[in-house]
């Protein structure tokens, strides 16, 4: 779950960023990227921008794909860089943490410019003079990878701090439960009401999609320690459950539809599949304890 706080005080770094943005060559190529750091650094970064000096920004290592400011398009991956002084806590994007624990990462507009993909670590090196950045795919264990099936997140390192404009803060809360909901009419008024109620639950993340293949992909990428459930509409439900089971996912499934007797016939072929038309049963299933 997340919430966003727009920060409007970043005046000085805004002017510096606009100066970089106005340069005609190379093409600036702005990206929305996220940066994780301890909360005591936030005000300084918003007011003065990024700096690689330890006296201004705090301790930092030289970086495993080069020297610079590290960012990622994936907020939860960026949260792994947060280290608070209280207990020197480090958030692990691969594992759920206690319910109610919230961390914040910074949303930034970054000028990637000329960049190069790295296929292995290049620890502590300077980014080449003709480049503005480097990037790499990292696996769920945080290692640089070139294996497509291991891709977890992109990570960028930007050479010039002035090319990164911190614009907002996003709060992330770890959850231990995730509901995947497939319905080709997911955006209708009735479903919208259900979604609003479900998303108010503090310990449940809801992923709603009108494409069955997206539901399968979401379930296949399950995180360690997170319990999953699947809700499907009747139309397309049998094919979806078959694909989910073929992918090795054996979570509990609810078929939510009006034609209960019809769908119960095919549901018998699979384990842990319920069928209901009851709104109350749907909510009990989707907000399980």
Protein backbone atom coordinates (compact mmCIF):
# COMPACT_ATOMS: atom_id res chain seq x y z
CA UNK A 1 0.00 0.00 0.00
CA UNK A 2 1.23 3.51 -0.62
CA UNK A 3 0.44 7.19 -0.23
CA UNK A 4 2.03 10.16 -1.95
CA UNK A 5 3.11 13.51 -0.50
CA UNK A 6 4.00 16.27 -2.98
CA UNK A 7 6.85 18.45 -1.72
CA UNK A 8 6.79 22.07 -2.90
CA UNK A 9 9.80 23.45 -1.04
CA UNK A 10 12.50 22.17 -3.40
CA UNK A 11 13.23 25.62 -4.85
CA UNK A 12 17.02 25.65 -5.09
CA UNK A 13 17.40 22.19 -6.59
CA UNK A 14 14.53 23.02 -8.98
CA UNK A 15 16.56 25.91 -10.44
CA UNK A 16 19.64 23.71 -10.81
CA UNK A 17 17.58 20.97 -12.44
CA UNK A 18 15.99 23.39 -14.92
CA UNK A 19 19.47 24.50 -15.92
CA UNK A 20 20.41 20.89 -16.71
CA UNK A 21 17.11 20.31 -18.49
CA UNK A 22 17.66 23.30 -20.78
CA UNK A 23 20.83 21.83 -22.25
CA UNK A 24 20.20 20.89 -25.86
CA UNK A 25 22.68 18.04 -26.11
CA UNK A 26 22.46 15.26 -25.22
CA UNK A 27 18.71 14.69 -25.12
CA UNK A 28 17.87 14.89 -21.38
CA UNK A 29 15.53 11.84 -21.37
CA UNK A 30 13.70 12.49 -18.07
CA UNK A 31 12.64 9.39 -16.11
CA UNK A 32 10.49 8.98 -12.99
CA UNK A 33 12.76 7.11 -10.56
CA UNK A 34 12.81 6.44 -6.82
CA UNK A 35 15.55 6.87 -4.23
CA UNK A 36 15.75 5.31 -0.78
CA UNK A 37 17.63 6.88 2.12
CA UNK A 38 17.06 7.42 5.83
CA UNK A 39 14.34 9.95 6.65
CA UNK A 40 16.75 12.39 8.33
CA UNK A 41 18.22 13.08 4.87
CA UNK A 42 14.90 14.01 3.25
CA UNK A 43 14.70 17.73 4.09
CA UNK A 44 18.28 18.36 3.04
CA UNK A 45 17.74 16.59 -0.28
CA UNK A 46 14.49 18.44 -0.99
CA UNK A 47 16.05 21.82 -0.16
CA UNK A 48 19.52 21.42 -1.65
CA UNK A 49 19.34 18.45 -3.98
CA UNK A 50 21.64 15.46 -3.98
CA UNK A 51 25.29 15.54 -3.09
CA UNK A 52 27.81 12.70 -3.00
CA UNK A 53 29.82 14.23 -0.17
CA UNK A 54 29.45 12.37 3.14
CA UNK A 55 29.35 15.56 5.24
CA UNK A 56 26.26 16.78 3.38
CA UNK A 57 24.41 13.58 2.60
CA UNK A 58 25.65 10.99 5.08
CA UNK A 59 27.79 7.92 4.63
CA UNK A 60 27.63 6.16 1.27
CA UNK A 61 29.64 3.49 -0.47
CA UNK A 62 31.14 3.90 -3.93
CA UNK A 63 28.46 1.88 -5.65
CA UNK A 64 28.51 -1.50 -7.33
CA UNK A 65 27.83 -0.20 -10.84
CA UNK A 66 29.74 3.06 -10.41
CA UNK A 67 29.84 6.32 -8.49
CA UNK A 68 26.73 8.49 -8.46
CA UNK A 69 23.15 8.77 -7.24
CA UNK A 70 21.32 5.42 -7.24
CA UNK A 71 17.67 5.23 -8.29
CA UNK A 72 15.17 2.65 -9.52
CA UNK A 73 11.75 2.69 -11.22
CA UNK A 74 10.62 0.20 -8.54
CA UNK A 75 9.84 1.95 -5.21
CA UNK A 76 10.10 -1.19 -3.08
CA UNK A 77 13.55 -1.97 -4.45
CA UNK A 78 14.69 1.55 -3.56
CA UNK A 79 13.43 0.99 -0.02
CA UNK A 80 16.21 -1.56 0.46
CA UNK A 81 18.63 1.38 0.72
CA UNK A 82 16.88 2.89 3.74
CA UNK A 83 18.98 2.65 6.88
CA UNK A 84 17.62 4.34 9.99
CA UNK A 85 19.81 5.04 13.01
CA UNK A 86 17.35 3.34 15.38
CA UNK A 87 18.64 -0.21 15.32
CA UNK A 88 20.32 0.45 11.95
CA UNK A 89 17.27 -1.06 10.33
CA UNK A 90 17.50 -1.99 6.67
CA UNK A 91 14.29 -2.70 4.77
CA UNK A 92 14.32 -5.86 2.69
CA UNK A 93 12.18 -5.62 -0.43
CA UNK A 94 12.13 -9.43 -0.69
CA UNK A 95 10.46 -10.03 2.67
CA UNK A 96 7.34 -8.69 4.40
CA UNK A 97 7.91 -6.74 7.59
CA UNK A 98 5.64 -6.25 10.58
CA UNK A 99 2.24 -4.85 9.75
CA UNK A 100 2.07 -1.14 10.35
CA UNK A 101 5.74 -0.50 9.58
CA UNK A 102 5.88 2.24 6.98
CA UNK A 103 8.87 3.58 5.10
CA UNK A 104 9.22 6.47 2.64
CA UNK A 105 11.15 6.76 -0.60
CA UNK A 106 11.71 9.87 -2.71
CA UNK A 107 10.12 10.22 -6.13
CA UNK A 108 12.50 12.02 -8.48
CA UNK A 109 12.60 13.29 -12.04
CA UNK A 110 16.00 12.15 -13.30
CA UNK A 111 17.80 13.09 -16.50
CA UNK A 112 19.30 9.81 -17.62
CA UNK A 113 20.91 11.26 -20.75
CA UNK A 114 23.43 9.06 -22.54
CA UNK A 115 23.54 5.78 -20.69
CA UNK A 116 25.04 2.29 -20.89
CA UNK A 117 23.81 -1.04 -19.60
CA UNK A 118 26.21 -2.96 -17.37
CA UNK A 119 26.17 -6.75 -17.43
CA UNK A 120 28.34 -7.24 -14.35
CA UNK A 121 29.47 -5.27 -11.32
CA UNK A 122 31.92 -2.42 -11.85
CA UNK A 123 32.42 -1.42 -8.25
CA UNK A 124 33.37 2.16 -7.41
CA UNK A 125 34.37 3.26 -10.91
CA UNK A 126 33.78 6.69 -12.41
CA UNK A 127 31.07 6.89 -15.05
CA UNK A 128 32.64 7.48 -18.46
CA UNK A 129 33.07 11.08 -19.57
CA UNK A 130 30.77 10.69 -22.58
CA UNK A 131 27.94 9.25 -20.47
CA UNK A 132 25.53 10.73 -17.93
CA UNK A 133 24.49 7.44 -16.35
CA UNK A 134 24.71 3.66 -16.21
CA UNK A 135 22.01 1.09 -15.58
CA UNK A 136 21.63 -2.63 -14.94
CA UNK A 137 19.02 -5.29 -14.39
CA UNK A 138 19.15 -6.74 -10.90
CA UNK A 139 17.75 -10.01 -9.60
CA UNK A 140 15.57 -10.40 -6.52
CA UNK A 141 18.77 -11.01 -4.53
CA UNK A 142 20.14 -7.61 -5.62
CA UNK A 143 22.80 -8.90 -8.03
CA UNK A 144 23.41 -7.64 -11.57
CA UNK A 145 21.96 -10.18 -14.00
CA UNK A 146 21.60 -10.76 -17.73
CA UNK A 147 19.20 -13.69 -17.37
CA UNK A 148 15.77 -12.50 -18.53
CA UNK A 149 13.85 -14.77 -16.16
CA UNK A 150 15.80 -13.33 -13.20
CA UNK A 151 14.93 -9.68 -13.94
CA UNK A 152 13.46 -8.03 -10.82
CA UNK A 153 14.18 -4.32 -11.16
CA UNK A 154 16.19 -1.80 -13.11
CA UNK A 155 18.75 0.26 -11.25
CA UNK A 156 20.24 3.52 -12.52
CA UNK A 157 23.25 5.43 -11.28
CA UNK A 158 23.31 9.12 -12.32
CA UNK A 159 26.71 10.80 -12.49
CA UNK A 160 25.67 14.43 -11.86
CA UNK A 161 23.56 15.07 -8.73
CA UNK A 162 22.00 18.17 -10.31
CA UNK A 163 20.36 15.89 -12.90
CA UNK A 164 18.11 14.39 -10.20
CA UNK A 165 15.16 16.52 -9.05
CA UNK A 166 13.42 15.19 -5.88
CA UNK A 167 9.74 16.02 -6.29
CA UNK A 168 7.64 13.94 -3.88
CA UNK A 169 7.68 11.36 -1.10
CA UNK A 170 5.84 8.07 -1.34
CA UNK A 171 5.00 6.02 1.76
CA UNK A 172 5.17 2.24 1.44
CA UNK A 173 3.67 -0.26 3.84
CA UNK A 174 4.58 -3.92 3.70
CA UNK A 175 1.67 -6.33 3.57
CA UNK A 176 1.41 -10.03 4.27
CA UNK A 177 -1.62 -10.72 2.06
CA UNK A 178 -2.31 -10.04 -1.60
CA UNK A 179 -5.58 -10.51 -3.45
CA UNK A 180 -5.45 -10.90 -7.23
CA UNK A 181 -8.81 -10.19 -8.87
CA UNK A 182 -9.58 -10.94 -12.52
CA UNK A 183 -12.73 -9.64 -14.20
CA UNK A 184 -13.01 -8.41 -17.79
CA UNK A 185 -15.45 -5.81 -16.40
CA UNK A 186 -13.32 -4.91 -13.39
CA UNK A 187 -13.95 -1.18 -13.84
CA UNK A 188 -17.74 -1.29 -13.52
CA UNK A 189 -19.52 0.62 -10.74
CA UNK A 190 -20.24 -2.44 -8.57
CA UNK A 191 -16.64 -3.64 -8.66
CA UNK A 192 -15.39 -0.13 -7.91
CA UNK A 193 -17.29 -0.20 -4.60
CA UNK A 194 -15.76 -3.56 -3.68
CA UNK A 195 -12.27 -2.36 -4.60
CA UNK A 196 -12.58 0.77 -2.47
CA UNK A 197 -13.57 -1.34 0.54
CA UNK A 198 -10.82 -3.91 -0.01
CA UNK A 199 -8.09 -1.32 -0.48
CA UNK A 200 -8.96 0.26 2.85
CA UNK A 201 -7.74 -2.91 4.57
CA UNK A 202 -4.33 -2.15 6.10
CA UNK A 203 -2.80 -5.58 5.62
CA UNK A 204 -4.16 -6.56 2.20
CA UNK A 205 -2.82 -5.49 -1.17
CA UNK A 206 -5.28 -5.75 -4.08
CA UNK A 207 -4.23 -6.23 -7.70
CA UNK A 208 -7.21 -5.94 -10.05
CA UNK A 209 -6.94 -6.67 -13.76
CA UNK A 210 -9.18 -7.26 -16.77
CA UNK A 211 -6.54 -9.51 -18.41
CA UNK A 212 -6.21 -13.11 -17.25
CA UNK A 213 -2.54 -13.34 -18.26
CA UNK A 214 -1.77 -10.42 -15.94
CA UNK A 215 -3.38 -12.31 -13.07
CA UNK A 216 -1.24 -15.38 -13.78
CA UNK A 217 1.92 -13.24 -13.94
CA UNK A 218 1.09 -11.53 -10.63
CA UNK A 219 0.64 -14.87 -8.88
CA UNK A 220 3.83 -16.32 -10.36
CA UNK A 221 5.87 -13.39 -8.99
CA UNK A 222 4.77 -14.03 -5.42
CA UNK A 223 7.00 -12.74 -2.62
CA UNK A 224 8.32 -14.87 0.18
CA UNK A 225 6.09 -14.69 3.26
CA UNK A 226 3.06 -13.27 1.41
CA UNK A 227 -0.19 -15.25 1.27
CA UNK A 228 -2.12 -15.00 -1.99
CA UNK A 229 -5.74 -15.50 -2.99
CA UNK A 230 -7.41 -15.25 -6.39
CA UNK A 231 -10.90 -14.00 -7.25
CA UNK A 232 -12.14 -14.57 -10.78
CA UNK A 233 -15.31 -13.76 -12.66
CA UNK A 234 -17.22 -16.70 -14.10
CA UNK A 235 -16.45 -15.76 -17.71
CA UNK A 236 -12.91 -16.97 -18.39
CA UNK A 237 -12.61 -18.37 -14.89
CA UNK A 238 -12.04 -22.02 -15.83
CA UNK A 239 -9.23 -21.19 -18.25
CA UNK A 240 -7.62 -18.88 -15.68
CA UNK A 241 -7.70 -21.48 -12.90
CA UNK A 242 -6.24 -24.06 -15.28
CA UNK A 243 -3.40 -21.68 -16.21
CA UNK A 244 -2.73 -20.78 -12.57
CA UNK A 245 -2.51 -24.42 -11.53
CA UNK A 246 -0.31 -25.22 -14.54
CA UNK A 247 2.03 -22.45 -13.36
CA UNK A 248 2.42 -24.25 -10.04
CA UNK A 249 0.34 -21.78 -8.01
CA UNK A 250 -2.04 -23.51 -5.58
CA UNK A 251 -3.63 -20.57 -3.78
CA UNK A 252 -7.30 -20.48 -2.73
CA UNK A 253 -9.64 -19.36 -5.53
CA UNK A 254 -13.12 -17.85 -5.47
CA UNK A 255 -15.32 -17.77 -8.58
CA UNK A 256 -17.60 -14.77 -8.04
CA UNK A 257 -20.55 -14.98 -10.42
CA UNK A 258 -24.32 -15.40 -10.68
CA UNK A 259 -24.30 -18.81 -12.44
CA UNK A 260 -23.21 -20.74 -9.37
CA UNK A 261 -24.44 -24.21 -10.37
CA UNK A 262 -22.82 -24.05 -13.80
CA UNK A 263 -19.40 -23.00 -12.52
CA UNK A 264 -19.47 -25.50 -9.66
CA UNK A 265 -19.35 -28.27 -12.25
CA UNK A 266 -15.93 -27.36 -13.64
CA UNK A 267 -14.65 -26.11 -10.27
CA UNK A 268 -14.82 -29.71 -8.97
CA UNK A 269 -11.81 -30.54 -11.16
CA UNK A 270 -9.54 -28.28 -9.11
CA UNK A 271 -8.58 -28.12 -5.44
CA UNK A 272 -9.32 -25.10 -3.22
CA UNK A 273 -11.85 -23.52 -5.60
CA UNK A 274 -15.10 -22.05 -4.24
CA UNK A 275 -18.04 -20.60 -6.19
CA UNK A 276 -20.46 -17.98 -4.88
CA UNK A 277 -22.84 -15.21 -5.88
CA UNK A 278 -23.01 -13.86 -2.34
CA UNK A 279 -21.48 -10.45 -1.69
CA UNK A 280 -20.97 -11.35 1.97
CA UNK A 281 -19.09 -14.55 1.08
CA UNK A 282 -17.00 -12.62 -1.42
CA UNK A 283 -15.95 -10.09 1.24
CA UNK A 284 -15.17 -12.82 3.78
CA UNK A 285 -12.99 -14.60 1.24
CA UNK A 286 -11.22 -11.42 0.14
CA UNK A 287 -10.53 -10.14 3.67
CA UNK A 288 -9.41 -13.40 5.20
CA UNK A 289 -7.78 -13.52 8.62
